[in-house]
Amino acid sequence: MTSLPIIDAHQHFWDLERNYLPWLCDEPMIPFRYGDYSAIRRNYLPEDYRRDTGSYRVVGSVFIETEWDPATPVQETRWVHELAERDGLPSVMVAQARLDQPDVDDVLAAHCAYSRTRGIRHKPRAAPSPNKVETGAPGSMGDPTWRRGFARLAAHGLSFDLQCPWWHFHEAADLAASHPDIQIIINHTGLPADRSEAGLRGWRHAMSAVAQQPNVAVKISGIGVPGSPWTVELNRRVVLETIDCFGVERCMFASNFPVDSLVASFATLFDGFMTITDSFSEAERLKLFHDNARHFYRIDLPAAG
């Protein structure tokens, strides 16, 4: 167990008795990268998260939108703020907005009326494999309509959480270069699901390319492999090569709980991150576990110590 203060840079809450999240409420269940996710189709609230984090020194967290009903995205922001006022978590949040919709500016403004809003996530359309990428596809990062919506983030002072497979990172690099005033934060380590040597080479090349853009950071999370336990041996290379690409200054550790509870306990994840970084200095670890999340998500907490 680490004694370092932790700001969990990516976690979720949901109350399925009160709120409509189609992927968690509807039948049939959708295809999911971790396979059967029935175990998380239940309420997950701050008391559940605190139980999972146990005695780890979690001093703050970043709530990431949960694919709430897209017809009412601002209702999730209101609900999260009510939750935070009552329970002290999350510290800040990333909200949902459909960047290719005509009302995007109004939705962004409505989210920003809530003090904990820091950014937006809208998963762009993605191809199922590297050889099926369709340049400029509707809803993709190359779609002019989507990009116009993305450009509006700057006027509202919002960052962007990007979740897409690594084979779209040439589009992400172009997007970042075209909008240097918008901070982009890659989710889930670029989704390196294919752990073959060829798959990891392609992922590493894509990560290195997008890391050339100074306004791109990354969250090291979501690296479970279906059918395999989460182990240091399985994930060491992914963690260390991510840090090698982006540097200690632009990487953040995150739990992705409760989703990653499908593949590991909170203790397994964070003890694993500590073991993998055992050769790093205390100052470097503090950045990875706490300081970088505080910086990129503009979290108003006392300095760690």
Protein backbone atom coordinates (compact mmCIF):
# COMPACT_ATOMS: atom_id res chain seq x y z
CA MET A 1 0.00 0.00 0.00
CA THR A 2 1.25 3.50 -0.80
CA SER A 3 1.30 6.29 1.77
CA LEU A 4 1.36 8.86 -1.02
CA PRO A 5 -1.69 11.10 -1.36
CA ILE A 6 -3.77 10.01 -4.34
CA ILE A 7 -5.99 12.02 -6.62
CA ASP A 8 -7.83 9.39 -8.61
CA ALA A 9 -7.89 10.94 -12.08
CA HIS A 10 -10.71 8.78 -13.48
CA GLN A 11 -13.65 7.29 -11.60
CA HIS A 12 -17.44 7.06 -11.83
CA PHE A 13 -20.55 7.11 -9.67
CA TRP A 14 -24.08 6.11 -10.63
CA ASP A 15 -27.46 5.58 -9.02
CA LEU A 16 -29.46 3.29 -11.28
CA GLU A 17 -32.56 3.64 -9.13
CA ARG A 18 -32.72 7.37 -9.83
CA ASN A 19 -30.92 7.93 -13.11
CA TYR A 20 -31.02 6.53 -16.65
CA LEU A 21 -27.73 5.26 -18.08
CA PRO A 22 -28.70 3.24 -21.16
CA TRP A 23 -25.69 0.89 -21.16
CA LEU A 24 -26.30 -0.04 -17.52
CA CYS A 25 -30.10 -0.02 -17.52
CA ASP A 26 -31.19 -1.42 -20.88
CA GLU A 27 -31.39 -4.94 -22.27
CA PRO A 28 -29.67 -6.54 -24.03
CA MET A 29 -26.25 -5.61 -22.68
CA ILE A 30 -23.95 -3.97 -25.21
CA PRO A 31 -20.60 -5.46 -26.36
CA PHE A 32 -17.96 -4.32 -23.89
CA ARG A 33 -14.16 -4.46 -23.95
CA TYR A 34 -14.03 -6.35 -20.64
CA GLY A 35 -16.74 -8.80 -21.69
CA ASP A 36 -19.52 -9.50 -19.17
CA TYR A 37 -20.07 -6.36 -17.10
CA SER A 38 -23.17 -7.46 -15.22
CA ALA A 39 -21.28 -7.15 -11.90
CA ILE A 40 -21.24 -3.36 -12.16
CA ARG A 41 -24.90 -2.95 -13.12
CA ARG A 42 -25.68 -1.77 -9.60
CA ASN A 43 -25.55 1.49 -7.71
CA TYR A 44 -22.04 2.80 -7.12
CA LEU A 45 -21.83 5.79 -4.79
CA PRO A 46 -19.18 7.48 -2.63
CA GLU A 47 -19.66 5.04 0.25
CA ASP A 48 -18.97 2.15 -2.15
CA TYR A 49 -15.88 3.88 -3.52
CA ARG A 50 -14.55 4.59 -0.04
CA ARG A 51 -15.02 0.96 0.85
CA ASP A 52 -13.09 -0.09 -2.26
CA THR A 53 -10.26 2.39 -1.67
CA GLY A 54 -9.97 1.25 1.96
CA SER A 55 -7.13 2.88 3.85
CA TYR A 56 -5.45 4.33 0.76
CA ARG A 57 -4.91 8.06 1.09
CA VAL A 58 -7.33 9.22 -1.58
CA VAL A 59 -7.57 12.99 -1.13
CA GLY A 60 -9.57 13.78 -4.26
CA SER A 61 -11.05 12.36 -7.44
CA VAL A 62 -12.11 13.26 -10.96
CA PHE A 63 -15.57 12.05 -11.97
CA ILE A 64 -15.85 11.19 -15.66
CA GLU A 65 -19.20 11.18 -17.44
CA THR A 66 -20.94 7.81 -17.45
CA GLU A 67 -22.81 7.68 -20.79
CA TRP A 68 -25.86 9.19 -19.10
CA ASP A 69 -28.98 9.61 -21.22
CA PRO A 70 -27.64 11.87 -24.03
CA ALA A 71 -30.97 13.70 -24.16
CA THR A 72 -30.30 15.25 -20.72
CA PRO A 73 -26.52 15.51 -20.18
CA VAL A 74 -26.66 18.52 -17.87
CA GLN A 75 -28.81 16.58 -15.42
CA GLU A 76 -25.79 14.38 -14.72
CA THR A 77 -23.70 17.46 -13.90
CA ARG A 78 -26.36 18.70 -11.51
CA TRP A 79 -26.61 15.26 -9.87
CA VAL A 80 -22.83 14.99 -9.46
CA HIS A 81 -22.66 18.41 -7.82
CA GLU A 82 -25.39 17.46 -5.39
CA LEU A 83 -23.50 14.26 -4.60
CA ALA A 84 -20.24 16.13 -4.04
CA GLU A 85 -21.86 18.68 -1.75
CA ARG A 86 -23.31 15.87 0.34
CA ASP A 87 -20.45 13.36 0.34
CA GLY A 88 -17.26 15.30 -0.42
CA LEU A 89 -16.52 13.41 -3.65
CA PRO A 90 -15.80 13.91 -6.46
CA SER A 91 -13.52 16.95 -6.37
CA VAL A 92 -14.20 17.92 -9.99
CA MET A 93 -15.88 16.39 -13.02
CA VAL A 94 -15.72 15.88 -16.78
CA ALA A 95 -19.19 16.20 -18.31
CA GLN A 96 -20.89 14.83 -21.41
CA ALA A 97 -21.56 16.93 -24.51
CA ARG A 98 -22.19 15.79 -28.07
CA LEU A 99 -19.73 17.91 -30.00
CA ASP A 100 -21.38 17.29 -33.37
CA GLN A 101 -24.83 18.49 -32.27
CA PRO A 102 -26.18 21.98 -33.11
CA ASP A 103 -26.87 22.84 -29.45
CA VAL A 104 -23.33 22.09 -28.29
CA ASP A 105 -22.55 25.67 -27.25
CA ASP A 106 -25.66 25.86 -25.08
CA VAL A 107 -24.84 22.52 -23.46
CA LEU A 108 -21.27 23.60 -22.73
CA ALA A 109 -22.47 26.83 -21.15
CA ALA A 110 -24.99 24.92 -19.02
CA HIS A 111 -22.28 22.57 -17.75
CA CYS A 112 -20.03 25.50 -16.91
CA ALA A 113 -22.70 26.98 -14.65
CA TYR A 114 -21.61 24.27 -12.17
CA SER A 115 -18.37 25.02 -10.34
CA ARG A 116 -16.80 21.55 -10.46
CA THR A 117 -16.96 21.19 -14.26
CA ARG A 118 -13.49 21.05 -15.78
CA GLY A 119 -13.83 19.30 -19.10
CA ILE A 120 -15.91 17.35 -21.60
CA ARG A 121 -15.81 13.82 -22.89
CA HIS A 122 -17.50 12.77 -26.13
CA LYS A 123 -16.12 9.53 -27.51
CA PRO A 124 -15.51 10.16 -31.23
CA ARG A 125 -16.54 7.54 -33.75
CA ALA A 126 -13.85 4.89 -33.97
CA ALA A 127 -12.95 2.05 -36.32
CA PRO A 128 -12.86 -1.50 -34.93
CA SER A 129 -9.30 -2.11 -36.15
CA PRO A 130 -6.36 -0.16 -37.61
CA ASN A 131 -7.09 -1.22 -41.19
CA LYS A 132 -10.67 0.04 -41.07
CA VAL A 133 -10.07 3.71 -40.22
CA GLU A 134 -12.28 5.92 -42.37
CA THR A 135 -10.86 9.43 -42.67
CA GLY A 136 -13.43 12.14 -41.98
CA ALA A 137 -16.20 9.72 -40.97
CA PRO A 138 -19.26 11.42 -39.42
CA GLY A 139 -18.72 11.82 -35.69
CA SER A 140 -15.00 11.14 -35.92
CA MET A 141 -12.16 13.51 -35.03
CA GLY A 142 -11.81 14.22 -38.74
CA ASP A 143 -15.46 15.25 -39.16
CA PRO A 144 -15.63 19.06 -39.72
CA THR A 145 -18.85 19.31 -37.71
CA TRP A 146 -17.31 17.43 -34.76
CA ARG A 147 -14.21 19.60 -34.93
CA ARG A 148 -16.25 22.81 -34.90
CA GLY A 149 -17.88 21.63 -31.69
CA PHE A 150 -14.49 20.71 -30.26
CA ALA A 151 -13.18 24.20 -31.02
CA ARG A 152 -15.89 25.68 -28.78
CA LEU A 153 -14.25 24.13 -25.70
CA ALA A 154 -11.63 26.89 -25.67
CA ALA A 155 -14.20 29.67 -25.28
CA HIS A 156 -15.56 27.92 -22.19
CA GLY A 157 -12.16 27.12 -20.68
CA LEU A 158 -12.75 23.37 -20.88
CA SER A 159 -10.34 20.50 -21.40
CA PHE A 160 -11.18 17.38 -23.39
CA ASP A 161 -10.99 13.75 -22.29
CA LEU A 162 -10.33 11.60 -25.34
CA GLN A 163 -11.29 7.94 -25.33
CA CYS A 164 -10.55 6.14 -28.56
CA PRO A 165 -8.26 3.33 -29.77
CA TRP A 166 -4.64 4.21 -30.48
CA TRP A 167 -5.06 3.76 -34.23
CA HIS A 168 -6.90 7.09 -34.30
CA PHE A 169 -4.08 9.00 -32.66
CA HIS A 170 -2.90 10.48 -35.98
CA GLU A 171 -6.26 12.32 -35.94
CA ALA A 172 -5.76 13.22 -32.28
CA ALA A 173 -2.31 14.66 -33.00
CA ASP A 174 -3.74 16.80 -35.79
CA LEU A 175 -6.58 17.91 -33.53
CA ALA A 176 -4.14 18.89 -30.77
CA ALA A 177 -1.88 20.76 -33.18
CA SER A 178 -4.85 22.64 -34.61
CA HIS A 179 -6.08 23.65 -31.14
CA PRO A 180 -3.03 24.23 -28.93
CA ASP A 181 -5.18 26.15 -26.44
CA ILE A 182 -7.25 23.05 -25.56
CA GLN A 183 -5.81 20.49 -23.16
CA ILE A 184 -6.44 16.93 -24.37
CA ILE A 185 -6.24 14.07 -21.87
CA ILE A 186 -6.08 10.56 -23.31
CA ASN A 187 -8.19 8.03 -21.40
CA HIS A 188 -7.16 4.50 -20.51
CA THR A 189 -3.61 4.55 -21.84
CA GLY A 190 -4.75 4.54 -25.46
CA LEU A 191 -6.56 1.18 -25.06
CA PRO A 192 -3.67 -1.24 -25.70
CA ALA A 193 -5.90 -4.32 -25.80
CA ASP A 194 -3.76 -6.27 -28.27
CA ARG A 195 -0.72 -7.42 -26.28
CA SER A 196 0.95 -9.21 -29.18
CA GLU A 197 4.34 -7.82 -30.14
CA ALA A 198 2.88 -6.29 -33.30
CA GLY A 199 -0.03 -4.80 -31.36
CA LEU A 200 2.25 -3.23 -28.76
CA ARG A 201 4.57 -1.84 -31.45
CA GLY A 202 1.63 -0.16 -33.18
CA TRP A 203 0.35 1.22 -29.87
CA ARG A 204 3.79 2.52 -28.88
CA HIS A 205 4.28 4.23 -32.25
CA ALA A 206 0.87 5.93 -31.97
CA MET A 207 1.50 7.01 -28.37
CA SER A 208 4.91 8.45 -29.29
CA ALA A 209 3.40 10.40 -32.18
CA VAL A 210 0.56 12.00 -30.23
CA ALA A 211 2.89 12.73 -27.30
CA GLN A 212 4.79 15.13 -29.56
CA GLN A 213 1.93 17.57 -29.04
CA PRO A 214 2.60 19.43 -25.77
CA ASN A 215 -1.11 19.90 -25.00
CA VAL A 216 -1.74 16.15 -24.74
CA ALA A 217 -1.54 14.23 -21.44
CA VAL A 218 -2.55 10.67 -20.56
CA LYS A 219 -4.22 8.70 -17.80
CA ILE A 220 -2.72 5.30 -17.02
CA SER A 221 -5.82 3.23 -16.34
CA GLY A 222 -8.09 0.75 -18.07
CA ILE A 223 -5.29 -1.67 -18.96
CA GLY A 224 -6.97 -4.87 -17.83
CA VAL A 225 -6.89 -7.79 -20.26
CA PRO A 226 -10.06 -9.92 -20.43
CA GLY A 227 -9.48 -13.44 -19.22
CA SER A 228 -6.25 -12.56 -17.41
CA PRO A 229 -5.67 -11.32 -13.88
CA TRP A 230 -4.25 -7.79 -13.56
CA THR A 231 -0.58 -8.35 -12.78
CA VAL A 232 2.58 -6.29 -12.70
CA GLU A 233 4.16 -8.66 -15.21
CA LEU A 234 1.31 -8.21 -17.69
CA ASN A 235 1.18 -4.41 -17.41
CA ARG A 236 4.70 -3.24 -16.57
CA ARG A 237 5.65 -2.61 -20.20
CA VAL A 238 2.49 -0.64 -20.95
CA VAL A 239 2.94 1.58 -17.88
CA LEU A 240 6.63 2.26 -18.36
CA GLU A 241 6.41 2.85 -22.11
CA THR A 242 3.53 5.30 -21.55
CA ILE A 243 5.65 7.25 -19.08
CA ASP A 244 8.60 7.06 -21.49
CA CYS A 245 6.46 8.58 -24.27
CA PHE A 246 4.83 11.36 -22.28
CA GLY A 247 7.27 11.93 -19.43
CA VAL A 248 6.48 11.98 -15.74
CA GLU A 249 5.00 15.48 -16.11
CA ARG A 250 2.08 14.38 -18.34
CA CYS A 251 0.97 11.03 -16.89
CA MET A 252 -1.63 10.32 -14.19
CA PHE A 253 -2.57 7.08 -12.46
CA ALA A 254 -6.30 6.37 -12.20
CA SER A 255 -8.57 3.55 -11.08
CA ASN A 256 -11.45 3.71 -13.57
CA PHE A 257 -13.58 2.36 -10.73
CA PRO A 258 -16.00 0.70 -10.61
CA VAL A 259 -15.44 -0.39 -14.23
CA ASP A 260 -11.95 -1.76 -13.60
CA SER A 261 -13.24 -3.66 -10.57
CA LEU A 262 -14.17 -6.18 -13.28
CA VAL A 263 -10.47 -7.01 -13.61
CA ALA A 264 -8.81 -6.01 -10.31
CA SER A 265 -9.29 -4.60 -6.85
CA PHE A 266 -8.28 -1.01 -6.11
CA ALA A 267 -5.40 -2.41 -4.03
CA THR A 268 -4.17 -4.56 -6.92
CA LEU A 269 -4.14 -1.56 -9.25
CA PHE A 270 -2.42 0.93 -6.99
CA ASP A 271 0.01 -1.51 -5.42
CA GLY A 272 0.84 -2.57 -8.97
CA PHE A 273 1.47 1.02 -10.03
CA MET A 274 3.74 1.45 -6.99
CA THR A 275 5.69 -1.69 -7.77
CA ILE A 276 6.15 -0.74 -11.42
CA THR A 277 7.47 2.71 -10.42
CA ASP A 278 9.67 1.51 -7.55
CA SER A 279 12.76 2.95 -9.24
CA PHE A 280 11.21 6.41 -9.54
CA SER A 281 11.95 9.19 -7.07
CA GLU A 282 9.42 10.19 -4.43
CA ALA A 283 8.89 13.50 -6.26
CA GLU A 284 8.19 11.69 -9.53
CA ARG A 285 5.72 9.37 -7.88
CA LEU A 286 3.97 12.30 -6.25
CA LYS A 287 3.42 13.79 -9.70
CA LEU A 288 2.05 10.52 -11.10
CA PHE A 289 -0.30 9.78 -8.21
CA HIS A 290 -1.36 13.31 -7.22
CA ASP A 291 0.21 16.47 -8.57
CA ASN A 292 -0.46 16.01 -12.28
CA ALA A 293 -4.16 15.31 -11.75
CA ARG A 294 -4.34 18.36 -9.52
CA HIS A 295 -2.73 20.45 -12.25
CA PHE A 296 -4.52 19.19 -15.35
CA TYR A 297 -7.96 19.17 -13.73
CA ARG A 298 -7.37 22.40 -11.79
CA ILE A 299 -8.29 20.92 -8.43
CA ASP A 300 -8.21 23.31 -5.50
CA LEU A 301 -6.63 21.22 -2.77
CA PRO A 302 -3.87 22.04 -0.27
CA ALA A 303 -0.39 21.14 -1.44
CA ALA A 304 0.46 17.50 -0.76
CA GLY A 305 2.71 16.70 2.14
